[in-house]
Amino acid sequence: MIEIVKGNERYRRYVAAELSTSRWNLVELYLAVLRERNEEEARRQFVRFRPLAVDVPDDWIFEAMAMKLSRSSLSYADTIGYTAARRLGARFLTGDEAFRRLPDVEFRS
């Protein structure tokens, strides 16, 4: 989501797509915008994308944390987002190099 907020041209086509995210990825978005801009903008972007957040059942979290344990370089939020995408039958959109070769990943830098 942060690349969409930044206006990254490589992510432009996804703005009109059917998107989903996890609350954990929204937390990462909030922090990134807070760092780069300010609290008002961080809250605005959080509220903007909040309707896209899907409920993450406990078993998805357990699966994601097993992935995190085996791949320590990944953020916990991204492992949850990746697991949620796979469980929903969707592709995980990311610019994180660590996900590039994983199944069901749409990689954009």
N, C-alpha and C. Protein backbone atom coordinates (compact mmCIF):
# COMPACT_ATOMS: atom_id res chain seq x y z
N MET A 1 0.81 -1.20 0.00
CA MET A 1 0.00 0.00 0.00
C MET A 1 0.86 1.27 0.00
N ILE A 2 2.02 1.17 0.64
CA ILE A 2 2.85 2.38 0.74
C ILE A 2 3.28 2.85 -0.65
N GLU A 3 3.54 1.93 -1.57
CA GLU A 3 3.95 2.34 -2.91
C GLU A 3 2.79 2.99 -3.66
N ILE A 4 1.58 2.57 -3.38
CA ILE A 4 0.40 3.21 -3.97
C ILE A 4 0.27 4.62 -3.41
N VAL A 5 0.44 4.76 -2.10
CA VAL A 5 0.36 6.08 -1.45
C VAL A 5 1.45 7.01 -1.99
N LYS A 6 2.65 6.45 -2.21
CA LYS A 6 3.76 7.26 -2.73
C LYS A 6 3.57 7.65 -4.19
N GLY A 7 2.65 6.98 -4.88
CA GLY A 7 2.42 7.27 -6.29
C GLY A 7 3.39 6.57 -7.21
N ASN A 8 3.98 5.47 -6.76
CA ASN A 8 4.91 4.70 -7.58
C ASN A 8 4.20 4.24 -8.85
N GLU A 9 4.73 4.64 -9.99
CA GLU A 9 4.12 4.33 -11.29
C GLU A 9 3.95 2.83 -11.52
N ARG A 10 4.84 2.03 -10.98
CA ARG A 10 4.76 0.58 -11.16
C ARG A 10 3.56 -0.03 -10.45
N TYR A 11 2.97 0.73 -9.55
CA TYR A 11 1.81 0.24 -8.79
C TYR A 11 0.50 0.89 -9.24
N ARG A 12 0.58 1.81 -10.18
CA ARG A 12 -0.59 2.56 -10.62
C ARG A 12 -1.73 1.66 -11.07
N ARG A 13 -1.43 0.61 -11.81
CA ARG A 13 -2.48 -0.26 -12.34
C ARG A 13 -3.25 -1.00 -11.25
N TYR A 14 -2.69 -1.09 -10.07
CA TYR A 14 -3.36 -1.81 -8.98
C TYR A 14 -4.39 -0.95 -8.24
N VAL A 15 -4.34 0.34 -8.45
CA VAL A 15 -5.28 1.24 -7.76
C VAL A 15 -6.72 0.89 -8.10
N ALA A 16 -6.97 0.49 -9.33
CA ALA A 16 -8.33 0.14 -9.77
C ALA A 16 -8.66 -1.33 -9.54
N ALA A 17 -7.70 -2.11 -9.07
CA ALA A 17 -7.92 -3.55 -8.85
C ALA A 17 -8.70 -3.78 -7.56
N GLU A 18 -9.22 -4.99 -7.44
CA GLU A 18 -9.87 -5.38 -6.18
C GLU A 18 -8.76 -5.75 -5.20
N LEU A 19 -8.57 -4.93 -4.20
CA LEU A 19 -7.49 -5.11 -3.24
C LEU A 19 -8.00 -5.56 -1.89
N SER A 20 -7.17 -6.32 -1.21
CA SER A 20 -7.41 -6.70 0.19
C SER A 20 -6.10 -6.54 0.93
N THR A 21 -6.18 -6.35 2.20
CA THR A 21 -4.99 -6.25 3.03
C THR A 21 -5.33 -6.77 4.41
N SER A 22 -4.32 -6.87 5.24
CA SER A 22 -4.57 -7.26 6.62
C SER A 22 -4.43 -6.02 7.51
N ARG A 23 -4.98 -6.09 8.67
CA ARG A 23 -4.83 -4.98 9.62
C ARG A 23 -3.36 -4.77 9.95
N TRP A 24 -2.59 -5.86 9.97
CA TRP A 24 -1.17 -5.77 10.27
C TRP A 24 -0.43 -4.99 9.19
N ASN A 25 -0.82 -5.17 7.92
CA ASN A 25 -0.20 -4.40 6.86
C ASN A 25 -0.61 -2.94 6.94
N LEU A 26 -1.82 -2.68 7.43
CA LEU A 26 -2.23 -1.29 7.65
C LEU A 26 -1.38 -0.62 8.73
N VAL A 27 -0.99 -1.39 9.73
CA VAL A 27 -0.11 -0.86 10.78
C VAL A 27 1.23 -0.47 10.17
N GLU A 28 1.77 -1.32 9.29
CA GLU A 28 3.03 -0.98 8.60
C GLU A 28 2.86 0.27 7.74
N LEU A 29 1.74 0.36 7.04
CA LEU A 29 1.45 1.54 6.23
C LEU A 29 1.42 2.79 7.10
N TYR A 30 0.70 2.71 8.20
CA TYR A 30 0.58 3.86 9.12
C TYR A 30 1.97 4.32 9.57
N LEU A 31 2.80 3.37 10.00
CA LEU A 31 4.14 3.72 10.47
C LEU A 31 5.00 4.33 9.37
N ALA A 32 4.94 3.77 8.18
CA ALA A 32 5.73 4.30 7.06
C ALA A 32 5.32 5.73 6.72
N VAL A 33 4.02 5.99 6.67
CA VAL A 33 3.55 7.34 6.34
C VAL A 33 3.85 8.30 7.50
N LEU A 34 3.73 7.82 8.71
CA LEU A 34 4.07 8.64 9.88
C LEU A 34 5.54 9.06 9.82
N ARG A 35 6.42 8.13 9.47
CA ARG A 35 7.85 8.44 9.35
C ARG A 35 8.13 9.45 8.25
N GLU A 36 7.49 9.25 7.09
CA GLU A 36 7.81 10.04 5.92
C GLU A 36 7.04 11.36 5.83
N ARG A 37 5.88 11.39 6.45
CA ARG A 37 5.04 12.59 6.33
C ARG A 37 4.68 13.12 7.70
N ASN A 38 3.49 12.78 8.19
CA ASN A 38 3.07 13.26 9.50
C ASN A 38 1.89 12.43 10.01
N GLU A 39 1.49 12.67 11.24
CA GLU A 39 0.43 11.87 11.85
C GLU A 39 -0.90 12.05 11.14
N GLU A 40 -1.23 13.26 10.76
CA GLU A 40 -2.50 13.50 10.07
C GLU A 40 -2.60 12.69 8.77
N GLU A 41 -1.52 12.70 7.99
CA GLU A 41 -1.52 11.96 6.73
C GLU A 41 -1.52 10.45 7.00
N ALA A 42 -0.80 10.01 8.01
CA ALA A 42 -0.78 8.59 8.36
C ALA A 42 -2.18 8.10 8.73
N ARG A 43 -2.90 8.89 9.52
CA ARG A 43 -4.27 8.51 9.88
C ARG A 43 -5.19 8.52 8.66
N ARG A 44 -5.01 9.50 7.80
CA ARG A 44 -5.84 9.60 6.60
C ARG A 44 -5.66 8.36 5.71
N GLN A 45 -4.43 7.95 5.52
CA GLN A 45 -4.17 6.78 4.69
C GLN A 45 -4.65 5.49 5.36
N PHE A 46 -4.52 5.40 6.67
CA PHE A 46 -5.02 4.23 7.40
C PHE A 46 -6.53 4.12 7.20
N VAL A 47 -7.24 5.21 7.38
CA VAL A 47 -8.70 5.23 7.21
C VAL A 47 -9.07 4.95 5.76
N ARG A 48 -8.30 5.47 4.82
CA ARG A 48 -8.55 5.24 3.39
C ARG A 48 -8.54 3.75 3.06
N PHE A 49 -7.57 3.02 3.57
CA PHE A 49 -7.42 1.61 3.23
C PHE A 49 -8.08 0.65 4.23
N ARG A 50 -8.58 1.16 5.33
CA ARG A 50 -9.19 0.30 6.36
C ARG A 50 -10.31 -0.58 5.82
N PRO A 51 -11.17 -0.10 4.93
CA PRO A 51 -12.23 -0.96 4.41
C PRO A 51 -11.72 -2.18 3.64
N LEU A 52 -10.46 -2.19 3.24
CA LEU A 52 -9.90 -3.31 2.49
C LEU A 52 -9.37 -4.41 3.40
N ALA A 53 -9.31 -4.15 4.70
CA ALA A 53 -8.72 -5.11 5.63
C ALA A 53 -9.64 -6.31 5.85
N VAL A 54 -9.06 -7.49 5.74
CA VAL A 54 -9.79 -8.73 5.96
C VAL A 54 -9.48 -9.24 7.36
N ASP A 55 -10.43 -9.96 7.92
CA ASP A 55 -10.23 -10.58 9.22
C ASP A 55 -9.23 -11.73 9.06
N VAL A 56 -8.27 -11.80 9.93
CA VAL A 56 -7.25 -12.84 9.87
C VAL A 56 -7.48 -13.82 11.01
N PRO A 57 -7.98 -15.01 10.69
CA PRO A 57 -8.21 -16.02 11.73
C PRO A 57 -6.90 -16.46 12.40
N ASP A 58 -7.03 -16.98 13.59
CA ASP A 58 -5.85 -17.39 14.35
C ASP A 58 -4.97 -18.38 13.59
N ASP A 59 -5.56 -19.35 12.91
CA ASP A 59 -4.73 -20.35 12.22
C ASP A 59 -3.89 -19.72 11.11
N TRP A 60 -4.36 -18.63 10.50
CA TRP A 60 -3.55 -17.93 9.51
C TRP A 60 -2.34 -17.28 10.19
N ILE A 61 -2.57 -16.72 11.38
CA ILE A 61 -1.46 -16.11 12.13
C ILE A 61 -0.44 -17.17 12.50
N PHE A 62 -0.90 -18.33 12.96
CA PHE A 62 0.02 -19.40 13.32
C PHE A 62 0.85 -19.84 12.11
N GLU A 63 0.20 -19.97 10.98
CA GLU A 63 0.91 -20.34 9.74
C GLU A 63 1.92 -19.26 9.36
N ALA A 64 1.53 -18.02 9.46
CA ALA A 64 2.41 -16.90 9.11
C ALA A 64 3.62 -16.84 10.04
N MET A 65 3.42 -17.09 11.32
CA MET A 65 4.54 -17.02 12.26
C MET A 65 5.50 -18.20 12.07
N ALA A 66 5.00 -19.34 11.61
CA ALA A 66 5.90 -20.45 11.25
C ALA A 66 6.77 -20.03 10.07
N MET A 67 6.18 -19.32 9.12
CA MET A 67 6.94 -18.80 7.98
C MET A 67 7.98 -17.79 8.47
N LYS A 68 7.58 -16.90 9.34
CA LYS A 68 8.48 -15.87 9.89
C LYS A 68 9.65 -16.54 10.61
N LEU A 69 9.39 -17.59 11.35
CA LEU A 69 10.44 -18.29 12.08
C LEU A 69 11.47 -18.88 11.12
N SER A 70 11.01 -19.39 10.00
CA SER A 70 11.94 -20.01 9.05
C SER A 70 12.60 -18.99 8.11
N ARG A 71 12.04 -17.79 8.04
CA ARG A 71 12.59 -16.73 7.18
C ARG A 71 12.62 -15.44 7.98
N SER A 72 13.61 -15.31 8.83
CA SER A 72 13.66 -14.22 9.80
C SER A 72 13.74 -12.83 9.18
N SER A 73 14.16 -12.73 7.92
CA SER A 73 14.28 -11.41 7.29
C SER A 73 12.91 -10.81 6.94
N LEU A 74 11.87 -11.62 6.92
CA LEU A 74 10.54 -11.12 6.58
C LEU A 74 9.89 -10.44 7.77
N SER A 75 9.12 -9.42 7.52
CA SER A 75 8.38 -8.78 8.62
C SER A 75 7.19 -9.65 9.00
N TYR A 76 6.80 -9.58 10.25
CA TYR A 76 5.64 -10.38 10.67
C TYR A 76 4.38 -9.92 9.95
N ALA A 77 4.26 -8.62 9.69
CA ALA A 77 3.08 -8.11 9.00
C ALA A 77 3.01 -8.67 7.58
N ASP A 78 4.15 -8.72 6.90
CA ASP A 78 4.15 -9.24 5.53
C ASP A 78 3.90 -10.74 5.49
N THR A 79 4.39 -11.48 6.48
CA THR A 79 4.09 -12.91 6.48
C THR A 79 2.60 -13.14 6.71
N ILE A 80 1.97 -12.30 7.52
CA ILE A 80 0.52 -12.40 7.71
C ILE A 80 -0.21 -12.03 6.42
N GLY A 81 0.22 -10.94 5.78
CA GLY A 81 -0.39 -10.52 4.52
C GLY A 81 -0.24 -11.57 3.43
N TYR A 82 0.94 -12.17 3.35
CA TYR A 82 1.19 -13.21 2.35
C TYR A 82 0.30 -14.43 2.61
N THR A 83 0.23 -14.84 3.86
CA THR A 83 -0.60 -15.99 4.23
C THR A 83 -2.07 -15.70 3.93
N ALA A 84 -2.53 -14.51 4.27
CA ALA A 84 -3.93 -14.14 4.01
C ALA A 84 -4.21 -14.17 2.50
N ALA A 85 -3.30 -13.62 1.72
CA ALA A 85 -3.50 -13.61 0.26
C ALA A 85 -3.62 -15.04 -0.27
N ARG A 86 -2.74 -15.90 0.16
CA ARG A 86 -2.79 -17.29 -0.31
C ARG A 86 -4.08 -17.98 0.14
N ARG A 87 -4.48 -17.75 1.37
CA ARG A 87 -5.71 -18.38 1.88
C ARG A 87 -6.94 -17.86 1.14
N LEU A 88 -6.87 -16.63 0.67
CA LEU A 88 -7.99 -16.03 -0.07
C LEU A 88 -7.92 -16.33 -1.57
N GLY A 89 -6.89 -17.03 -1.98
CA GLY A 89 -6.73 -17.35 -3.40
C GLY A 89 -6.29 -16.16 -4.23
N ALA A 90 -5.59 -15.23 -3.59
CA ALA A 90 -5.14 -14.01 -4.27
C ALA A 90 -3.62 -14.01 -4.37
N ARG A 91 -3.11 -13.08 -5.13
CA ARG A 91 -1.65 -12.90 -5.21
C ARG A 91 -1.25 -11.84 -4.20
N PHE A 92 -0.05 -11.98 -3.68
CA PHE A 92 0.49 -11.03 -2.71
C PHE A 92 1.33 -10.00 -3.46
N LEU A 93 0.90 -8.76 -3.44
CA LEU A 93 1.60 -7.67 -4.12
C LEU A 93 2.63 -7.08 -3.19
N THR A 94 3.90 -7.10 -3.63
CA THR A 94 4.97 -6.58 -2.78
C THR A 94 6.16 -6.12 -3.61
N GLY A 95 6.95 -5.29 -3.02
CA GLY A 95 8.22 -4.88 -3.59
C GLY A 95 9.38 -5.43 -2.76
N ASP A 96 9.06 -6.26 -1.78
CA ASP A 96 10.07 -6.84 -0.90
C ASP A 96 10.78 -7.99 -1.63
N GLU A 97 12.06 -7.80 -1.86
CA GLU A 97 12.87 -8.77 -2.60
C GLU A 97 12.79 -10.18 -2.00
N ALA A 98 12.62 -10.29 -0.71
CA ALA A 98 12.57 -11.59 -0.04
C ALA A 98 11.39 -12.45 -0.50
N PHE A 99 10.36 -11.82 -1.06
CA PHE A 99 9.18 -12.54 -1.53
C PHE A 99 9.24 -12.86 -3.03
N ARG A 100 10.19 -12.31 -3.74
CA ARG A 100 10.22 -12.35 -5.20
C ARG A 100 9.96 -13.74 -5.79
N ARG A 101 10.56 -14.75 -5.27
CA ARG A 101 10.46 -16.09 -5.87
C ARG A 101 9.47 -17.01 -5.18
N LEU A 102 8.69 -16.49 -4.28
CA LEU A 102 7.69 -17.31 -3.61
C LEU A 102 6.45 -17.46 -4.48
N PRO A 103 5.72 -18.56 -4.32
CA PRO A 103 4.50 -18.75 -5.11
C PRO A 103 3.44 -17.69 -4.78
N ASP A 104 2.65 -17.37 -5.76
CA ASP A 104 1.51 -16.45 -5.61
C ASP A 104 1.91 -15.03 -5.23
N VAL A 105 3.08 -14.61 -5.72
CA VAL A 105 3.57 -13.25 -5.44
C VAL A 105 3.57 -12.44 -6.73
N GLU A 106 3.05 -11.24 -6.64
CA GLU A 106 3.12 -10.25 -7.72
C GLU A 106 4.19 -9.26 -7.27
N PHE A 107 5.38 -9.35 -7.85
CA PHE A 107 6.51 -8.55 -7.40
C PHE A 107 6.65 -7.29 -8.25
N ARG A 108 6.75 -6.17 -7.58
CA ARG A 108 7.02 -4.87 -8.22
C ARG A 108 8.02 -4.14 -7.35
N SER A 109 9.04 -3.62 -7.98
CA SER A 109 10.04 -2.88 -7.19
C SER A 109 9.78 -1.41 -7.23
